[in-house]
Amino acid sequence: MTTENYVSELRWTLSDIATIARRNILTLVRIPTSLVFAIIQPIMFVLLFRYVFSGSINIPAGTYVNYLIPGILVQTTIFGAVGTAIGLAEDLQRGLIERFRALPMARSAVLAGRTISDVLRNIMIVVVITGVGFAVGFRPHGGFFPYIEACLLMLLFAYCLSWGFAFIGLAAPNSETAQAMTFPLIFPLTFASSIFVAINNMPGWLQVFARNQPVSQAANAVRALMLGYPVGNSVWVTLLWAAGALILLAPLATRRYRQAA
């Protein structure tokens, strides 16, 4: 393949990915119910922990609302990545995957377009939850650019995890099953972590898992960047977890897509 042909093929591949991503975003605009519920859930978590549980939760330093909001943002982006599984399961159930395969388009466009559109949806949700956080007293002290760095880090982390959810969506017979299959995976990772409470308050046997699992590392990194705390190795560890997830899960999802399609 000549350089000119390679550039032309790459251009068409990127165009196909953008088309699929645009199609998924337009679906959200025309049927915004899923986006509304995706926003309502983290808002309920914010209000519940901010006004009901905050008085009974001890944290190492600072106010609980400042501890809580970065964790909620990490949880929200991870839950948002579950939309990859649900969306692909719906497309597969409706026969859209087979139609896409019949079109003269890049095979990688379906998965890449889906995961990219879910990142864009996550960005919208992060903006909304940030506003809710400020409304309930969240005051980050790390500065504007560290805040943006924190948002990019958690969006990247969720994007890499979304390839695992893509595999689940393609393996599930329908969207309801895909959603049910994701819960046993994300609930231990999100609730047995440093998202809501300090790990030192957990039982000793649970601290080992909670301290070293990827979601805790992501929450610690995001919290440190937003609040101006020393980040230590949490950012690099989070990036390593993200890279490992992408390297492992993307080929699995791609192979499953070829089998499903």
Protein backbone atom coordinates (compact mmCIF):
# COMPACT_ATOMS: atom_id res chain seq x y z
CA MET A 1 0.00 0.00 0.00
CA THR A 2 1.38 3.37 -1.00
CA THR A 3 1.52 6.30 1.38
CA GLU A 4 -1.21 8.08 -0.57
CA ASN A 5 -3.53 5.06 -0.34
CA TYR A 6 -2.80 4.69 3.37
CA VAL A 7 -3.64 8.35 4.03
CA SER A 8 -6.83 8.05 1.99
CA GLU A 9 -7.92 4.92 3.88
CA LEU A 10 -7.16 6.54 7.22
CA ARG A 11 -9.18 9.60 6.24
CA TRP A 12 -12.18 7.46 5.30
CA THR A 13 -11.87 5.46 8.53
CA LEU A 14 -11.88 8.62 10.63
CA SER A 15 -14.85 9.89 8.64
CA ASP A 16 -16.76 6.66 9.30
CA ILE A 17 -15.95 6.85 13.02
CA ALA A 18 -17.16 10.45 13.15
CA THR A 19 -20.38 9.46 11.34
CA ILE A 20 -21.18 6.70 13.83
CA ALA A 21 -20.34 8.95 16.77
CA ARG A 22 -22.61 11.67 15.34
CA ARG A 23 -25.39 9.14 14.88
CA ASN A 24 -25.17 8.12 18.54
CA ILE A 25 -25.14 11.73 19.74
CA LEU A 26 -28.18 12.54 17.59
CA THR A 27 -29.96 9.61 19.21
CA LEU A 28 -29.39 11.25 22.60
CA VAL A 29 -30.72 14.56 21.31
CA ARG A 30 -33.84 13.04 19.79
CA ILE A 31 -34.48 10.62 22.68
CA PRO A 32 -32.97 12.44 25.68
CA THR A 33 -34.54 10.17 28.31
CA SER A 34 -31.39 8.11 28.85
CA LEU A 35 -29.28 11.24 29.23
CA VAL A 36 -31.74 12.70 31.74
CA PHE A 37 -31.65 9.54 33.87
CA ALA A 38 -27.86 9.40 33.59
CA ILE A 39 -27.77 12.90 35.10
CA ILE A 40 -30.43 12.31 37.75
CA GLN A 41 -28.63 9.34 39.31
CA PRO A 42 -25.38 11.13 40.24
CA ILE A 43 -27.35 14.17 41.42
CA MET A 44 -29.23 11.86 43.80
CA PHE A 45 -25.90 10.44 45.03
CA VAL A 46 -24.59 13.98 45.61
CA LEU A 47 -27.65 15.04 47.61
CA LEU A 48 -27.82 11.77 49.56
CA PHE A 49 -24.20 11.76 50.70
CA ARG A 50 -23.95 15.53 51.07
CA TYR A 51 -27.00 16.01 53.30
CA VAL A 52 -27.81 12.58 54.77
CA PHE A 53 -24.57 10.66 55.32
CA SER A 54 -21.97 13.42 55.55
CA GLY A 55 -22.30 13.86 59.30
CA SER A 56 -21.43 10.23 59.97
CA ILE A 57 -18.46 9.91 57.59
CA ASN A 58 -14.97 10.83 58.75
CA ILE A 59 -12.35 11.99 56.27
CA PRO A 60 -8.64 12.73 56.82
CA ALA A 61 -8.77 16.49 56.10
CA GLY A 62 -10.96 19.21 54.65
CA THR A 63 -14.73 19.23 54.21
CA TYR A 64 -16.66 16.15 53.18
CA VAL A 65 -18.27 17.86 50.19
CA ASN A 66 -14.82 18.56 48.74
CA TYR A 67 -13.92 14.93 49.32
CA LEU A 68 -17.19 13.70 47.83
CA ILE A 69 -17.58 15.56 44.53
CA PRO A 70 -14.34 14.35 42.84
CA GLY A 71 -15.32 10.80 43.77
CA ILE A 72 -18.84 11.26 42.42
CA LEU A 73 -17.39 12.56 39.15
CA VAL A 74 -15.22 9.46 38.81
CA GLN A 75 -18.18 7.22 39.59
CA THR A 76 -20.36 9.11 37.11
CA THR A 77 -17.93 8.70 34.22
CA ILE A 78 -17.56 4.98 34.96
CA PHE A 79 -21.33 4.52 35.10
CA GLY A 80 -21.55 6.55 31.89
CA ALA A 81 -19.20 4.12 30.19
CA VAL A 82 -21.79 1.41 30.86
CA GLY A 83 -23.80 3.09 28.09
CA THR A 84 -21.38 1.49 25.64
CA ALA A 85 -22.61 -1.96 26.65
CA ILE A 86 -26.27 -0.96 26.54
CA GLY A 87 -26.00 0.86 23.21
CA LEU A 88 -24.15 -1.94 21.45
CA ALA A 89 -26.56 -4.56 22.83
CA GLU A 90 -29.49 -2.54 21.48
CA ASP A 91 -27.87 -2.16 18.06
CA LEU A 92 -27.11 -5.86 17.94
CA GLN A 93 -30.63 -6.79 19.04
CA ARG A 94 -32.20 -4.56 16.37
CA GLY A 95 -29.99 -5.90 13.62
CA LEU A 96 -28.17 -2.59 13.10
CA ILE A 97 -24.76 -4.23 13.48
CA GLU A 98 -25.49 -6.45 10.49
CA ARG A 99 -26.64 -3.42 8.48
CA PHE A 100 -23.48 -1.52 9.37
CA ARG A 101 -21.42 -4.49 8.24
CA ALA A 102 -23.17 -4.50 4.87
CA LEU A 103 -22.23 -0.86 4.28
CA PRO A 104 -18.93 0.15 2.68
CA MET A 105 -17.47 1.42 5.94
CA ALA A 106 -14.50 0.65 8.16
CA ARG A 107 -15.09 -2.27 10.53
CA SER A 108 -13.53 -0.32 13.39
CA ALA A 109 -16.02 2.54 13.03
CA VAL A 110 -18.85 0.92 14.99
CA LEU A 111 -16.87 0.30 18.18
CA ALA A 112 -14.72 3.42 17.97
CA GLY A 113 -17.71 5.63 17.15
CA ARG A 114 -19.72 4.20 20.04
CA THR A 115 -16.95 4.66 22.61
CA ILE A 116 -16.17 8.19 21.41
CA SER A 117 -19.82 9.25 21.54
CA ASP A 118 -20.05 7.91 25.10
CA VAL A 119 -17.04 10.06 26.03
CA LEU A 120 -18.86 13.10 24.63
CA ARG A 121 -21.93 12.18 26.67
CA ASN A 122 -19.73 11.84 29.75
CA ILE A 123 -18.35 15.34 29.15
CA MET A 124 -21.87 16.78 29.22
CA ILE A 125 -22.65 14.91 32.44
CA VAL A 126 -19.39 16.04 34.08
CA VAL A 127 -20.26 19.67 33.32
CA VAL A 128 -23.70 19.27 34.91
CA ILE A 129 -22.42 17.47 38.03
CA THR A 130 -19.67 20.05 38.45
CA GLY A 131 -22.34 22.73 38.53
CA VAL A 132 -24.36 20.73 41.06
CA GLY A 133 -21.22 20.30 43.15
CA PHE A 134 -20.63 24.04 43.27
CA ALA A 135 -24.28 24.54 44.24
CA VAL A 136 -23.92 22.26 47.29
CA GLY A 137 -20.66 23.81 48.50
CA PHE A 138 -17.86 22.16 46.51
CA ARG A 139 -14.85 24.45 46.32
CA PRO A 140 -11.78 23.02 44.54
CA HIS A 141 -8.50 24.70 45.46
CA GLY A 142 -6.19 23.15 42.90
CA GLY A 143 -6.79 25.74 40.20
CA PHE A 144 -8.43 25.72 36.78
CA PHE A 145 -5.83 23.78 34.79
CA PRO A 146 -5.37 20.98 37.37
CA TYR A 147 -9.17 20.69 37.40
CA ILE A 148 -9.19 20.21 33.63
CA GLU A 149 -6.35 17.70 33.94
CA ALA A 150 -8.40 15.78 36.50
CA CYS A 151 -11.41 15.73 34.17
CA LEU A 152 -9.32 14.52 31.24
CA LEU A 153 -7.79 11.80 33.41
CA MET A 154 -11.11 10.37 34.54
CA LEU A 155 -12.60 10.62 31.04
CA LEU A 156 -9.61 8.71 29.66
CA PHE A 157 -9.92 6.13 32.42
CA ALA A 158 -13.63 5.63 31.73
CA TYR A 159 -12.99 5.48 27.97
CA CYS A 160 -10.52 2.62 28.39
CA LEU A 161 -13.00 0.76 30.61
CA SER A 162 -15.72 1.29 28.01
CA TRP A 163 -13.98 -1.22 25.73
CA GLY A 164 -14.65 -3.87 28.36
CA PHE A 165 -18.28 -2.79 28.48
CA ALA A 166 -18.32 -3.01 24.67
CA PHE A 167 -17.37 -6.67 24.97
CA ILE A 168 -20.20 -7.21 27.46
CA GLY A 169 -22.71 -5.45 25.20
CA LEU A 170 -21.77 -7.61 22.23
CA ALA A 171 -21.92 -10.78 24.35
CA ALA A 172 -25.33 -10.02 25.89
CA PRO A 173 -28.56 -11.07 24.14
CA ASN A 174 -30.29 -7.74 24.90
CA SER A 175 -29.74 -4.36 26.56
CA GLU A 176 -31.40 -5.37 29.85
CA THR A 177 -29.04 -8.31 30.23
CA ALA A 178 -26.06 -6.15 29.28
CA GLN A 179 -26.94 -3.67 32.02
CA ALA A 180 -27.39 -6.47 34.55
CA MET A 181 -24.03 -7.99 33.58
CA THR A 182 -22.18 -4.75 34.28
CA PHE A 183 -23.44 -4.25 37.83
CA PRO A 184 -21.48 -7.10 39.48
CA LEU A 185 -18.34 -5.57 37.97
CA ILE A 186 -18.74 -1.87 38.67
CA PHE A 187 -20.46 -1.99 42.07
CA PRO A 188 -17.55 -3.61 43.99
CA LEU A 189 -15.08 -1.32 42.21
CA THR A 190 -17.01 1.87 42.93
CA PHE A 191 -18.39 1.25 46.42
CA ALA A 192 -15.37 -0.63 47.82
CA SER A 193 -13.13 2.30 46.95
CA SER A 194 -12.16 5.76 48.12
CA ILE A 195 -15.00 7.41 46.20
CA PHE A 196 -17.32 7.94 49.18
CA VAL A 197 -15.27 7.18 52.29
CA ALA A 198 -11.67 7.12 53.40
CA ILE A 199 -10.15 3.68 53.02
CA ASN A 200 -8.72 3.80 56.55
CA ASN A 201 -12.29 3.59 57.88
CA MET A 202 -12.88 0.23 56.18
CA PRO A 203 -12.24 -3.19 57.76
CA GLY A 204 -8.60 -4.23 57.51
CA TRP A 205 -9.27 -7.12 55.15
CA LEU A 206 -11.10 -4.80 52.75
CA GLN A 207 -8.48 -2.05 52.83
CA VAL A 208 -5.99 -4.15 50.86
CA PHE A 209 -8.38 -4.48 47.93
CA ALA A 210 -9.80 -0.95 48.16
CA ARG A 211 -6.41 0.74 48.33
CA ASN A 212 -4.94 -1.03 45.29
CA GLN A 213 -7.86 -1.34 42.91
CA PRO A 214 -8.01 1.00 39.87
CA VAL A 215 -11.08 3.05 40.80
CA SER A 216 -9.52 4.09 44.11
CA GLN A 217 -6.37 5.14 42.31
CA ALA A 218 -8.41 7.19 39.83
CA ALA A 219 -10.46 8.80 42.60
CA ASN A 220 -7.32 9.65 44.58
CA ALA A 221 -5.65 11.19 41.53
CA VAL A 222 -8.69 13.25 40.54
CA ARG A 223 -9.25 14.41 44.12
CA ALA A 224 -5.62 15.43 44.57
CA LEU A 225 -5.59 17.42 41.33
CA MET A 226 -8.86 19.18 42.04
CA LEU A 227 -8.11 20.03 45.66
CA GLY A 228 -4.43 20.85 45.27
CA TYR A 229 -3.16 17.92 47.33
CA PRO A 230 0.10 16.05 46.58
CA VAL A 231 -0.73 13.55 43.85
CA GLY A 232 2.04 11.08 44.61
CA ASN A 233 1.99 8.17 42.18
CA SER A 234 -1.80 8.05 41.80
CA VAL A 235 -1.87 9.77 38.40
CA TRP A 236 0.75 7.47 36.88
CA VAL A 237 -0.86 4.39 38.42
CA THR A 238 -4.22 5.44 36.99
CA LEU A 239 -2.68 5.92 33.55
CA LEU A 240 -1.08 2.48 33.77
CA TRP A 241 -4.41 0.90 34.73
CA ALA A 242 -6.08 2.73 31.82
CA ALA A 243 -3.41 1.66 29.33
CA GLY A 244 -3.56 -1.93 30.56
CA ALA A 245 -7.35 -1.99 30.28
CA LEU A 246 -7.24 -0.61 26.73
CA ILE A 247 -4.52 -3.05 25.62
CA LEU A 248 -6.39 -6.01 27.08
CA LEU A 249 -10.03 -5.11 26.45
CA ALA A 250 -9.96 -3.46 23.02
CA PRO A 251 -8.77 -6.64 21.21
CA LEU A 252 -11.36 -8.70 23.11
CA ALA A 253 -14.15 -6.34 22.10
CA THR A 254 -12.92 -6.25 18.49
CA ARG A 255 -12.80 -10.03 18.29
CA ARG A 256 -16.28 -10.30 19.77
CA TYR A 257 -17.58 -7.74 17.30
CA ARG A 258 -16.28 -9.78 14.39
CA GLN A 259 -18.00 -12.86 15.76
CA ALA A 260 -21.24 -11.04 16.51
CA ALA A 261 -21.37 -9.27 13.19
